[in-house]
Amino acid sequence: MEEIMGMTDSQYKDFVEAVKEDLEELNEYKEAGDDVGYEKKYERIMKRFEKSLNR
C-alpha cells in the first residue's frame, strides 16, 4: 500500500480518520436539516478529494 499511495501507514490512518470525521459532520448537518451547512461541507470534501487526486 505504501508504494501505491505514497503514504506511510500513519499518514494513511490519519487520512482515513479525517475522512471519517468529515462524513460524521456531514451526517450531523443532514440530521439537523441544515442543507446550507451540508452543501458547504460536501463541497469542501469534494474539493479536497479533487486536490488529492490531481497531485
PDB file of N, CA and C in Angstrom:
ATOM      1  N   MET A   1       0.820  -1.192   0.000  1.00  0.00           N
ATOM      2  CA  MET A   1       0.000   0.000   0.000  1.00  0.00           C
ATOM      3  C   MET A   1       0.866   1.259   0.000  1.00  0.00           C
ATOM      4  N   GLU A   2       1.936   1.241   0.730  1.00  0.00           N
ATOM      5  CA  GLU A   2       2.787   2.425   0.824  1.00  0.00           C
ATOM      6  C   GLU A   2       3.325   2.855  -0.537  1.00  0.00           C
ATOM      7  N   GLU A   3       3.705   1.909  -1.371  1.00  0.00           N
ATOM      8  CA  GLU A   3       4.242   2.246  -2.681  1.00  0.00           C
ATOM      9  C   GLU A   3       3.182   2.859  -3.583  1.00  0.00           C
ATOM     10  N   ILE A   4       1.976   2.364  -3.504  1.00  0.00           N
ATOM     11  CA  ILE A   4       0.896   2.858  -4.360  1.00  0.00           C
ATOM     12  C   ILE A   4       0.416   4.228  -3.885  1.00  0.00           C
ATOM     13  N   MET A   5       0.181   4.349  -2.599  1.00  0.00           N
ATOM     14  CA  MET A   5      -0.379   5.573  -2.042  1.00  0.00           C
ATOM     15  C   MET A   5       0.675   6.661  -1.821  1.00  0.00           C
ATOM     16  N   GLY A   6       1.925   6.271  -1.648  1.00  0.00           N
ATOM     17  CA  GLY A   6       2.946   7.254  -1.342  1.00  0.00           C
ATOM     18  C   GLY A   6       2.814   7.782   0.073  1.00  0.00           C
ATOM     19  N   MET A   7       2.180   7.008   0.946  1.00  0.00           N
ATOM     20  CA  MET A   7       1.950   7.399   2.332  1.00  0.00           C
ATOM     21  C   MET A   7       2.476   6.327   3.260  1.00  0.00           C
ATOM     22  N   THR A   8       2.889   6.760   4.433  1.00  0.00           N
ATOM     23  CA  THR A   8       3.215   5.788   5.466  1.00  0.00           C
ATOM     24  C   THR A   8       1.910   5.270   6.050  1.00  0.00           C
ATOM     25  N   ASP A   9       1.975   4.210   6.807  1.00  0.00           N
ATOM     26  CA  ASP A   9       0.777   3.682   7.463  1.00  0.00           C
ATOM     27  C   ASP A   9       0.133   4.739   8.351  1.00  0.00           C
ATOM     28  N   SER A  10       0.952   5.479   9.052  1.00  0.00           N
ATOM     29  CA  SER A  10       0.440   6.515   9.953  1.00  0.00           C
ATOM     30  C   SER A  10      -0.275   7.625   9.177  1.00  0.00           C
ATOM     31  N   GLN A  11       0.307   8.050   8.069  1.00  0.00           N
ATOM     32  CA  GLN A  11      -0.321   9.081   7.239  1.00  0.00           C
ATOM     33  C   GLN A  11      -1.649   8.587   6.669  1.00  0.00           C
ATOM     34  N   TYR A  12      -1.672   7.336   6.238  1.00  0.00           N
ATOM     35  CA  TYR A  12      -2.893   6.763   5.686  1.00  0.00           C
ATOM     36  C   TYR A  12      -3.984   6.700   6.753  1.00  0.00           C
ATOM     37  N   LYS A  13      -3.625   6.275   7.948  1.00  0.00           N
ATOM     38  CA  LYS A  13      -4.603   6.211   9.046  1.00  0.00           C
ATOM     39  C   LYS A  13      -5.124   7.602   9.374  1.00  0.00           C
ATOM     40  N   ASP A  14      -4.245   8.605   9.389  1.00  0.00           N
ATOM     41  CA  ASP A  14      -4.674   9.984   9.639  1.00  0.00           C
ATOM     42  C   ASP A  14      -5.648  10.452   8.558  1.00  0.00           C
ATOM     43  N   PHE A  15      -5.355  10.114   7.308  1.00  0.00           N
ATOM     44  CA  PHE A  15      -6.226  10.480   6.193  1.00  0.00           C
ATOM     45  C   PHE A  15      -7.607   9.848   6.356  1.00  0.00           C
ATOM     46  N   VAL A  16      -7.627   8.552   6.664  1.00  0.00           N
ATOM     47  CA  VAL A  16      -8.904   7.843   6.828  1.00  0.00           C
ATOM     48  C   VAL A  16      -9.680   8.427   8.009  1.00  0.00           C
ATOM     49  N   GLU A  17      -8.996   8.735   9.095  1.00  0.00           N
ATOM     50  CA  GLU A  17      -9.663   9.327  10.263  1.00  0.00           C
ATOM     51  C   GLU A  17     -10.272  10.686   9.908  1.00  0.00           C
ATOM     52  N   ALA A  18      -9.557  11.494   9.137  1.00  0.00           N
ATOM     53  CA  ALA A  18     -10.071  12.804   8.728  1.00  0.00           C
ATOM     54  C   ALA A  18     -11.316  12.648   7.852  1.00  0.00           C
ATOM     55  N   VAL A  19     -11.298  11.691   6.928  1.00  0.00           N
ATOM     56  CA  VAL A  19     -12.462  11.444   6.068  1.00  0.00           C
ATOM     57  C   VAL A  19     -13.642  10.983   6.928  1.00  0.00           C
ATOM     58  N   LYS A  20     -13.387  10.104   7.876  1.00  0.00           N
ATOM     59  CA  LYS A  20     -14.439   9.615   8.767  1.00  0.00           C
ATOM     60  C   LYS A  20     -15.071  10.778   9.536  1.00  0.00           C
ATOM     61  N   GLU A  21     -14.243  11.660  10.080  1.00  0.00           N
ATOM     62  CA  GLU A  21     -14.750  12.818  10.819  1.00  0.00           C
ATOM     63  C   GLU A  21     -15.571  13.729   9.917  1.00  0.00           C
ATOM     64  N   ASP A  22     -15.101  13.951   8.689  1.00  0.00           N
ATOM     65  CA  ASP A  22     -15.852  14.771   7.736  1.00  0.00           C
ATOM     66  C   ASP A  22     -17.221  14.165   7.449  1.00  0.00           C
ATOM     67  N   LEU A  23     -17.265  12.854   7.259  1.00  0.00           N
ATOM     68  CA  LEU A  23     -18.543  12.192   6.967  1.00  0.00           C
ATOM     69  C   LEU A  23     -19.483  12.230   8.165  1.00  0.00           C
ATOM     70  N   GLU A  24     -18.934  12.111   9.358  1.00  0.00           N
ATOM     71  CA  GLU A  24     -19.771  12.212  10.551  1.00  0.00           C
ATOM     72  C   GLU A  24     -20.363  13.619  10.668  1.00  0.00           C
ATOM     73  N   GLU A  25     -19.535  14.644  10.389  1.00  0.00           N
ATOM     74  CA  GLU A  25     -20.021  16.021  10.429  1.00  0.00           C
ATOM     75  C   GLU A  25     -21.074  16.250   9.346  1.00  0.00           C
ATOM     76  N   LEU A  26     -20.843  15.700   8.170  1.00  0.00           N
ATOM     77  CA  LEU A  26     -21.802  15.812   7.080  1.00  0.00           C
ATOM     78  C   LEU A  26     -23.141  15.205   7.497  1.00  0.00           C
ATOM     79  N   ASN A  27     -23.095  14.058   8.144  1.00  0.00           N
ATOM     80  CA  ASN A  27     -24.307  13.397   8.621  1.00  0.00           C
ATOM     81  C   ASN A  27     -25.030  14.243   9.670  1.00  0.00           C
ATOM     82  N   GLU A  28     -24.271  14.911  10.543  1.00  0.00           N
ATOM     83  CA  GLU A  28     -24.889  15.777  11.553  1.00  0.00           C
ATOM     84  C   GLU A  28     -25.671  16.909  10.898  1.00  0.00           C
ATOM     85  N   TYR A  29     -25.096  17.505   9.851  1.00  0.00           N
ATOM     86  CA  TYR A  29     -25.807  18.562   9.122  1.00  0.00           C
ATOM     87  C   TYR A  29     -27.102  18.015   8.534  1.00  0.00           C
ATOM     88  N   LYS A  30     -27.032  16.828   7.952  1.00  0.00           N
ATOM     89  CA  LYS A  30     -28.210  16.218   7.330  1.00  0.00           C
ATOM     90  C   LYS A  30     -29.285  15.936   8.366  1.00  0.00           C
ATOM     91  N   GLU A  31     -28.885  15.354   9.506  1.00  0.00           N
ATOM     92  CA  GLU A  31     -29.849  15.040  10.561  1.00  0.00           C
ATOM     93  C   GLU A  31     -30.489  16.295  11.140  1.00  0.00           C
ATOM     94  N   ALA A  32     -29.742  17.395  11.191  1.00  0.00           N
ATOM     95  CA  ALA A  32     -30.256  18.652  11.730  1.00  0.00           C
ATOM     96  C   ALA A  32     -31.089  19.409  10.694  1.00  0.00           C
ATOM     97  N   GLY A  33     -31.097  18.932   9.457  1.00  0.00           N
ATOM     98  CA  GLY A  33     -31.852  19.608   8.402  1.00  0.00           C
ATOM     99  C   GLY A  33     -31.160  20.866   7.912  1.00  0.00           C
ATOM    100  N   ASP A  34     -29.866  20.980   8.171  1.00  0.00           N
ATOM    101  CA  ASP A  34     -29.089  22.151   7.763  1.00  0.00           C
ATOM    102  C   ASP A  34     -28.549  21.926   6.352  1.00  0.00           C
ATOM    103  N   ASP A  35     -29.385  22.212   5.372  1.00  0.00           N
ATOM    104  CA  ASP A  35     -28.996  21.974   3.982  1.00  0.00           C
ATOM    105  C   ASP A  35     -27.844  22.858   3.535  1.00  0.00           C
ATOM    106  N   VAL A  36     -27.782  24.094   4.026  1.00  0.00           N
ATOM    107  CA  VAL A  36     -26.700  25.005   3.646  1.00  0.00           C
ATOM    108  C   VAL A  36     -25.375  24.492   4.203  1.00  0.00           C
ATOM    109  N   GLY A  37     -25.347  24.115   5.472  1.00  0.00           N
ATOM    110  CA  GLY A  37     -24.138  23.560   6.074  1.00  0.00           C
ATOM    111  C   GLY A  37     -23.723  22.281   5.390  1.00  0.00           C
ATOM    112  N   TYR A  38     -24.700  21.456   5.058  1.00  0.00           N
ATOM    113  CA  TYR A  38     -24.427  20.188   4.364  1.00  0.00           C
ATOM    114  C   TYR A  38     -23.755  20.443   3.022  1.00  0.00           C
ATOM    115  N   GLU A  39     -24.315  21.346   2.238  1.00  0.00           N
ATOM    116  CA  GLU A  39     -23.765  21.637   0.910  1.00  0.00           C
ATOM    117  C   GLU A  39     -22.356  22.208   1.001  1.00  0.00           C
ATOM    118  N   LYS A  40     -22.120  23.120   1.961  1.00  0.00           N
ATOM    119  CA  LYS A  40     -20.791  23.701   2.122  1.00  0.00           C
ATOM    120  C   LYS A  40     -19.770  22.637   2.497  1.00  0.00           C
ATOM    121  N   LYS A  41     -20.127  21.768   3.439  1.00  0.00           N
ATOM    122  CA  LYS A  41     -19.210  20.710   3.870  1.00  0.00           C
ATOM    123  C   LYS A  41     -18.957  19.729   2.732  1.00  0.00           C
ATOM    124  N   TYR A  42     -20.008  19.374   2.005  1.00  0.00           N
ATOM    125  CA  TYR A  42     -19.878  18.459   0.865  1.00  0.00           C
ATOM    126  C   TYR A  42     -18.908  19.031  -0.167  1.00  0.00           C
ATOM    127  N   GLU A  43     -19.051  20.305  -0.483  1.00  0.00           N
ATOM    128  CA  GLU A  43     -18.177  20.944  -1.462  1.00  0.00           C
ATOM    129  C   GLU A  43     -16.724  20.943  -0.980  1.00  0.00           C
ATOM    130  N   ARG A  44     -16.486  21.212   0.309  1.00  0.00           N
ATOM    131  CA  ARG A  44     -15.123  21.203   0.847  1.00  0.00           C
ATOM    132  C   ARG A  44     -14.514  19.808   0.746  1.00  0.00           C
ATOM    133  N   ILE A  45     -15.303  18.785   1.061  1.00  0.00           N
ATOM    134  CA  ILE A  45     -14.821  17.408   0.975  1.00  0.00           C
ATOM    135  C   ILE A  45     -14.452  17.071  -0.468  1.00  0.00           C
ATOM    136  N   MET A  46     -15.330  17.397  -1.401  1.00  0.00           N
ATOM    137  CA  MET A  46     -15.087  17.080  -2.806  1.00  0.00           C
ATOM    138  C   MET A  46     -13.865  17.829  -3.343  1.00  0.00           C
ATOM    139  N   LYS A  47     -13.693  19.092  -2.951  1.00  0.00           N
ATOM    140  CA  LYS A  47     -12.520  19.851  -3.390  1.00  0.00           C
ATOM    141  C   LYS A  47     -11.241  19.214  -2.849  1.00  0.00           C
ATOM    142  N   ARG A  48     -11.274  18.748  -1.597  1.00  0.00           N
ATOM    143  CA  ARG A  48     -10.101  18.101  -1.015  1.00  0.00           C
ATOM    144  C   ARG A  48      -9.771  16.819  -1.778  1.00  0.00           C
ATOM    145  N   PHE A  49     -10.805  16.035  -2.120  1.00  0.00           N
ATOM    146  CA  PHE A  49     -10.573  14.812  -2.896  1.00  0.00           C
ATOM    147  C   PHE A  49      -9.996  15.142  -4.269  1.00  0.00           C
ATOM    148  N   GLU A  50     -10.546  16.127  -4.947  1.00  0.00           N
ATOM    149  CA  GLU A  50     -10.044  16.525  -6.264  1.00  0.00           C
ATOM    150  C   GLU A  50      -8.590  16.968  -6.173  1.00  0.00           C
ATOM    151  N   LYS A  51      -8.261  17.753  -5.169  1.00  0.00           N
ATOM    152  CA  LYS A  51      -6.891  18.218  -4.972  1.00  0.00           C
ATOM    153  C   LYS A  51      -5.958  17.030  -4.766  1.00  0.00           C
ATOM    154  N   SER A  52      -6.390  16.071  -3.970  1.00  0.00           N
ATOM    155  CA  SER A  52      -5.570  14.877  -3.712  1.00  0.00           C
ATOM    156  C   SER A  52      -5.390  14.048  -4.969  1.00  0.00           C
ATOM    157  N   LEU A  53      -6.423  13.928  -5.762  1.00  0.00           N
ATOM    158  CA  LEU A  53      -6.342  13.117  -6.977  1.00  0.00           C
ATOM    159  C   LEU A  53      -5.463  13.768  -8.045  1.00  0.00           C
ATOM    160  N   ASN A  54      -5.368  15.074  -8.010  1.00  0.00           N
ATOM    161  CA  ASN A  54      -4.587  15.794  -9.030  1.00  0.00           C
ATOM    162  C   ASN A  54      -3.121  15.946  -8.660  1.00  0.00           C
ATOM    163  N   ARG A  55      -2.683  15.393  -7.551  1.00  0.00           N
ATOM    164  CA  ARG A  55      -1.275  15.508  -7.151  1.00  0.00           C
ATOM    165  C   ARG A  55      -0.425  14.579  -7.962  1.00  0.00           C
TER     166      ARG A  55
END
